[in-house]
Amino acid sequence: MEPGALNDLRFVGARRRLIEQIRAKGIEDLDLLQLFDQVPRHLFVPEGVRTRAYEDAPLPIGYGQTVSQPSLQALLLQILEPTPQDRVLEIGTGSGYLTALLALAAERVYSVERVRELSTRARFALDAIGLANVALMVGDGSIGWRKFAPYDVITVSAASPSVPRALTDQLADRGRLLLPVGTRRAQTLVLIRREGDRLVRESLEQRCTFVPLLGRYGWGEEEEPGSRRPR
């Protein structure tokens, strides 16, 4: 880990206050909360917003992308319940912050990012804190990463107009897939569970706004907000 990253006095108090804010929003699992104490979020955001690293808010990371607010990421982890035996596919590496949280909770994380510069920056931050159980790839996340399938957990940090079949096909038996589904402007979290050959879909009450999932099974580059591409 980067020397002094967790004990940097500029951020220790702010990180603990963030954890209390997450807890106040209904996340009571102490093991889950401890993950947020083990990952120095300030290493995963650009220097220009580093002083805001421990706000419970989304932050810009460049290239039209954001890192989600920590309390939302905690909710995603609470829903997915990754275990030390799980193989995780993450679509949308972004800053790499959620990647790091997943890597601490699971056996192995495979993460796909379409913006090469973000993937490179995330790799640097992950290496700085010594996480060696993460594989990164630059590519179209809407098609997944078939080479290492099936996955026990798949999480998508971008909004899709529908649930991509390519991702459900890569879900292991008893696996969980969580993604925001809706328009480009507003989505609802959808949880998919595989039970043998059956897929069980649950629309959760959590409304959210993520950047769009661009790619073969997501949104096209030229589509207008709120429109749907013919299937």
Protein backbone atom coordinates (compact mmCIF):
# COMPACT_ATOMS: atom_id res chain seq x y z
CA MET A 1 0.00 0.00 0.00
CA GLU A 2 1.14 3.56 -0.63
CA PRO A 3 3.11 4.57 2.49
CA GLY A 4 0.78 6.14 5.06
CA ALA A 5 -2.25 6.00 2.78
CA LEU A 6 -4.65 4.76 5.47
CA ASN A 7 -3.07 6.81 8.26
CA ASP A 8 -2.79 10.09 6.36
CA LEU A 9 -4.02 12.51 9.01
CA ARG A 10 -5.75 14.63 6.37
CA PHE A 11 -8.21 11.82 5.73
CA VAL A 12 -8.47 9.51 8.76
CA GLY A 13 -11.21 11.52 10.49
CA ALA A 14 -13.08 12.13 7.23
CA ARG A 15 -13.07 8.41 6.41
CA ARG A 16 -14.48 7.51 9.83
CA ARG A 17 -17.20 10.17 9.47
CA LEU A 18 -18.09 8.73 6.07
CA ILE A 19 -18.49 5.28 7.60
CA GLU A 20 -20.85 6.74 10.21
CA GLN A 21 -22.88 8.37 7.43
CA ILE A 22 -23.12 5.04 5.62
CA ARG A 23 -24.19 3.37 8.84
CA ALA A 24 -26.86 6.02 9.41
CA LYS A 25 -28.39 5.08 6.06
CA GLY A 26 -29.14 1.55 7.23
CA ILE A 27 -25.93 -0.36 6.49
CA GLU A 28 -25.28 -2.17 9.78
CA ASP A 29 -23.02 -5.06 8.67
CA LEU A 30 -19.74 -4.42 10.48
CA ASP A 31 -17.69 -6.55 8.07
CA LEU A 32 -19.07 -4.52 5.17
CA LEU A 33 -18.42 -1.21 6.91
CA GLN A 34 -14.87 -2.30 7.64
CA LEU A 35 -14.21 -2.55 3.91
CA PHE A 36 -14.70 1.22 3.65
CA ASP A 37 -12.14 1.70 6.40
CA GLN A 38 -9.61 -0.42 4.50
CA VAL A 39 -9.73 1.41 1.17
CA PRO A 40 -8.31 4.97 0.97
CA ARG A 41 -10.85 6.55 -1.39
CA HIS A 42 -8.64 9.60 -1.89
CA LEU A 43 -6.22 7.45 -3.94
CA PHE A 44 -9.02 6.59 -6.38
CA VAL A 45 -10.16 10.11 -7.30
CA PRO A 46 -8.39 12.85 -9.28
CA GLU A 47 -6.27 15.30 -7.31
CA GLY A 48 -8.67 18.13 -8.15
CA VAL A 49 -11.46 16.54 -6.05
CA ARG A 50 -9.27 14.76 -3.49
CA THR A 51 -10.36 17.06 -0.66
CA ARG A 52 -13.93 15.82 -1.26
CA ALA A 53 -12.93 12.14 -1.38
CA TYR A 54 -14.83 11.21 1.78
CA GLU A 55 -18.05 13.03 1.06
CA ASP A 56 -21.00 10.68 0.64
CA ALA A 57 -21.48 11.93 -2.88
CA PRO A 58 -20.63 10.99 -6.47
CA LEU A 59 -17.47 12.64 -7.78
CA PRO A 60 -16.25 13.31 -11.33
CA ILE A 61 -13.29 11.19 -12.44
CA GLY A 62 -12.92 12.51 -15.99
CA TYR A 63 -14.01 11.29 -19.43
CA GLY A 64 -17.65 11.99 -18.57
CA GLN A 65 -17.62 9.38 -15.78
CA THR A 66 -18.19 9.50 -12.02
CA VAL A 67 -17.47 7.39 -8.97
CA SER A 68 -20.75 6.61 -7.20
CA GLN A 69 -21.52 7.82 -3.71
CA PRO A 70 -20.17 5.41 -1.08
CA SER A 71 -23.53 4.75 0.59
CA LEU A 72 -24.91 3.53 -2.74
CA GLN A 73 -21.88 1.30 -3.23
CA ALA A 74 -22.41 -0.06 0.28
CA LEU A 75 -26.02 -0.85 -0.63
CA LEU A 76 -24.86 -2.71 -3.76
CA LEU A 77 -22.47 -4.79 -1.66
CA GLN A 78 -25.18 -5.48 0.90
CA ILE A 79 -27.52 -6.75 -1.82
CA LEU A 80 -24.90 -8.87 -3.62
CA GLU A 81 -23.31 -10.33 -0.47
CA PRO A 82 -19.95 -11.28 -2.03
CA THR A 83 -18.10 -14.02 -0.14
CA PRO A 84 -14.41 -15.00 0.00
CA GLN A 85 -15.20 -17.90 -2.35
CA ASP A 86 -16.88 -15.76 -5.03
CA ARG A 87 -15.62 -14.84 -8.48
CA VAL A 88 -16.88 -11.39 -9.39
CA LEU A 89 -17.37 -9.69 -12.75
CA GLU A 90 -17.56 -5.91 -12.54
CA ILE A 91 -18.76 -3.92 -15.53
CA GLY A 92 -17.45 -0.37 -15.38
CA THR A 93 -14.16 -0.22 -13.48
CA GLY A 94 -14.29 3.57 -13.38
CA SER A 95 -12.06 4.85 -10.59
CA GLY A 96 -11.42 1.33 -9.27
CA TYR A 97 -12.82 2.16 -5.81
CA LEU A 98 -15.69 -0.34 -5.92
CA THR A 99 -13.27 -2.78 -7.54
CA ALA A 100 -11.07 -2.51 -4.45
CA LEU A 101 -14.00 -3.05 -2.08
CA LEU A 102 -15.06 -6.13 -4.05
CA ALA A 103 -11.50 -7.46 -4.11
CA LEU A 104 -11.34 -7.34 -0.32
CA ALA A 105 -14.63 -9.23 -0.03
CA ALA A 106 -14.27 -11.84 -2.80
CA GLU A 107 -11.76 -14.37 -4.07
CA ARG A 108 -11.17 -12.79 -7.48
CA VAL A 109 -12.48 -9.78 -9.39
CA TYR A 110 -12.56 -9.37 -13.18
CA SER A 111 -13.35 -5.80 -14.18
CA VAL A 112 -14.09 -4.35 -17.62
CA GLU A 113 -13.77 -0.66 -18.50
CA ARG A 114 -14.29 0.94 -21.91
CA VAL A 115 -12.06 4.00 -21.26
CA ARG A 116 -8.43 2.91 -21.36
CA GLU A 117 -7.15 5.87 -19.36
CA LEU A 118 -9.52 5.10 -16.48
CA SER A 119 -8.49 1.45 -16.48
CA THR A 120 -4.82 2.46 -16.35
CA ARG A 121 -5.45 4.86 -13.49
CA ALA A 122 -7.46 2.24 -11.59
CA ARG A 123 -4.65 -0.29 -12.02
CA PHE A 124 -2.19 2.16 -10.51
CA ALA A 125 -4.41 2.76 -7.45
CA LEU A 126 -5.14 -0.95 -6.96
CA ASP A 127 -1.44 -1.75 -7.13
CA ALA A 128 -0.70 1.06 -4.67
CA ILE A 129 -2.82 -0.63 -2.00
CA GLY A 130 -1.48 -4.08 -2.82
CA LEU A 131 -4.55 -5.79 -4.28
CA ALA A 132 -3.31 -8.63 -6.48
CA ASN A 133 -6.59 -10.50 -7.01
CA VAL A 134 -7.96 -8.13 -9.67
CA ALA A 135 -7.77 -8.57 -13.45
CA LEU A 136 -8.63 -5.57 -15.63
CA MET A 137 -9.64 -5.44 -19.27
CA VAL A 138 -10.42 -2.57 -21.63
CA GLY A 139 -13.43 -3.39 -23.79
CA ASP A 140 -17.21 -3.50 -24.21
CA GLY A 141 -18.59 -4.33 -20.79
CA SER A 142 -22.07 -5.09 -22.12
CA ILE A 143 -20.75 -8.38 -23.52
CA GLY A 144 -19.02 -9.33 -20.25
CA TRP A 145 -15.78 -11.30 -20.05
CA ARG A 146 -16.64 -14.79 -21.21
CA LYS A 147 -13.13 -16.22 -20.83
CA PHE A 148 -13.43 -16.46 -17.04
CA ALA A 149 -17.16 -17.19 -16.73
CA PRO A 150 -19.22 -18.31 -14.92
CA TYR A 151 -19.31 -15.69 -12.16
CA ASP A 152 -20.93 -15.87 -8.74
CA VAL A 153 -21.49 -12.12 -8.71
CA ILE A 154 -21.89 -9.65 -11.58
CA THR A 155 -22.29 -5.96 -10.86
CA VAL A 156 -22.85 -3.27 -13.48
CA SER A 157 -21.97 0.33 -12.65
CA ALA A 158 -23.73 1.78 -15.70
CA ALA A 159 -27.35 2.11 -16.75
CA SER A 160 -28.74 -0.31 -19.30
CA PRO A 161 -32.02 -0.11 -21.27
CA SER A 162 -32.54 -3.82 -20.50
CA VAL A 163 -30.77 -6.78 -18.88
CA PRO A 164 -28.08 -7.96 -21.34
CA ARG A 165 -28.46 -11.65 -22.19
CA ALA A 166 -24.69 -11.84 -22.58
CA LEU A 167 -24.33 -11.15 -18.86
CA THR A 168 -27.02 -13.53 -17.61
CA ASP A 169 -25.38 -16.24 -19.74
CA GLN A 170 -22.18 -15.74 -17.70
CA LEU A 171 -23.91 -16.09 -14.34
CA ALA A 172 -23.11 -19.20 -12.27
CA ASP A 173 -25.81 -21.30 -10.64
CA ARG A 174 -27.02 -19.39 -7.55
CA GLY A 175 -25.18 -16.37 -8.90
CA ARG A 176 -26.39 -12.77 -8.54
CA LEU A 177 -26.44 -10.01 -11.14
CA LEU A 178 -27.23 -6.43 -10.09
CA LEU A 179 -27.61 -3.54 -12.50
CA PRO A 180 -29.54 -0.27 -13.00
CA VAL A 181 -32.19 -0.57 -15.72
CA GLY A 182 -34.22 2.25 -17.24
CA THR A 183 -33.66 5.34 -19.34
CA ARG A 184 -30.45 7.32 -19.49
CA ARG A 185 -31.89 9.77 -16.98
CA ALA A 186 -33.43 7.50 -14.34
CA GLN A 187 -33.13 3.84 -13.43
CA THR A 188 -34.18 1.24 -10.88
CA LEU A 189 -31.86 -1.42 -9.53
CA VAL A 190 -32.70 -4.89 -10.81
CA LEU A 191 -31.44 -8.09 -9.18
CA ILE A 192 -31.22 -11.30 -11.21
CA ARG A 193 -30.62 -14.66 -9.54
CA ARG A 194 -29.83 -17.85 -11.43
CA GLU A 195 -31.50 -20.99 -10.13
CA GLY A 196 -30.33 -23.75 -12.44
CA ASP A 197 -31.77 -22.94 -15.87
CA ARG A 198 -34.13 -20.37 -14.33
CA LEU A 199 -33.55 -16.64 -13.96
CA VAL A 200 -35.45 -14.94 -11.14
CA ARG A 201 -35.82 -11.18 -11.57
CA GLU A 202 -36.52 -8.75 -8.76
CA SER A 203 -36.98 -5.02 -9.29
CA LEU A 204 -35.77 -3.24 -6.17
CA GLU A 205 -37.22 0.01 -4.90
CA GLN A 206 -33.90 1.84 -5.11
CA ARG A 207 -34.02 4.53 -7.78
CA CYS A 208 -30.70 5.82 -9.09
CA THR A 209 -28.93 7.65 -11.88
CA PHE A 210 -25.86 6.04 -13.42
CA VAL A 211 -23.86 6.92 -16.52
CA PRO A 212 -25.11 4.93 -19.56
CA LEU A 213 -23.81 1.46 -20.41
CA LEU A 214 -22.42 1.92 -23.92
CA GLY A 215 -21.86 -1.09 -26.13
CA ARG A 216 -23.40 -3.87 -28.17
CA TYR A 217 -26.05 -4.73 -25.56
CA GLY A 218 -26.35 -1.31 -23.95
CA TRP A 219 -26.86 2.16 -25.37
CA GLY A 220 -25.47 3.22 -28.73
CA GLU A 221 -23.07 6.15 -28.85
CA GLU A 222 -25.47 8.33 -30.85
CA GLU A 223 -28.73 7.58 -29.07
CA GLU A 224 -30.65 10.44 -27.49
CA PRO A 225 -31.37 10.33 -23.75
CA GLY A 226 -34.58 8.50 -22.98
CA SER A 227 -34.73 6.68 -26.32
CA ARG A 228 -34.51 2.92 -26.73
CA ARG A 229 -32.69 1.11 -29.46
CA PRO A 230 -34.80 -1.46 -31.34
CA ARG A 231 -33.99 -4.96 -30.10
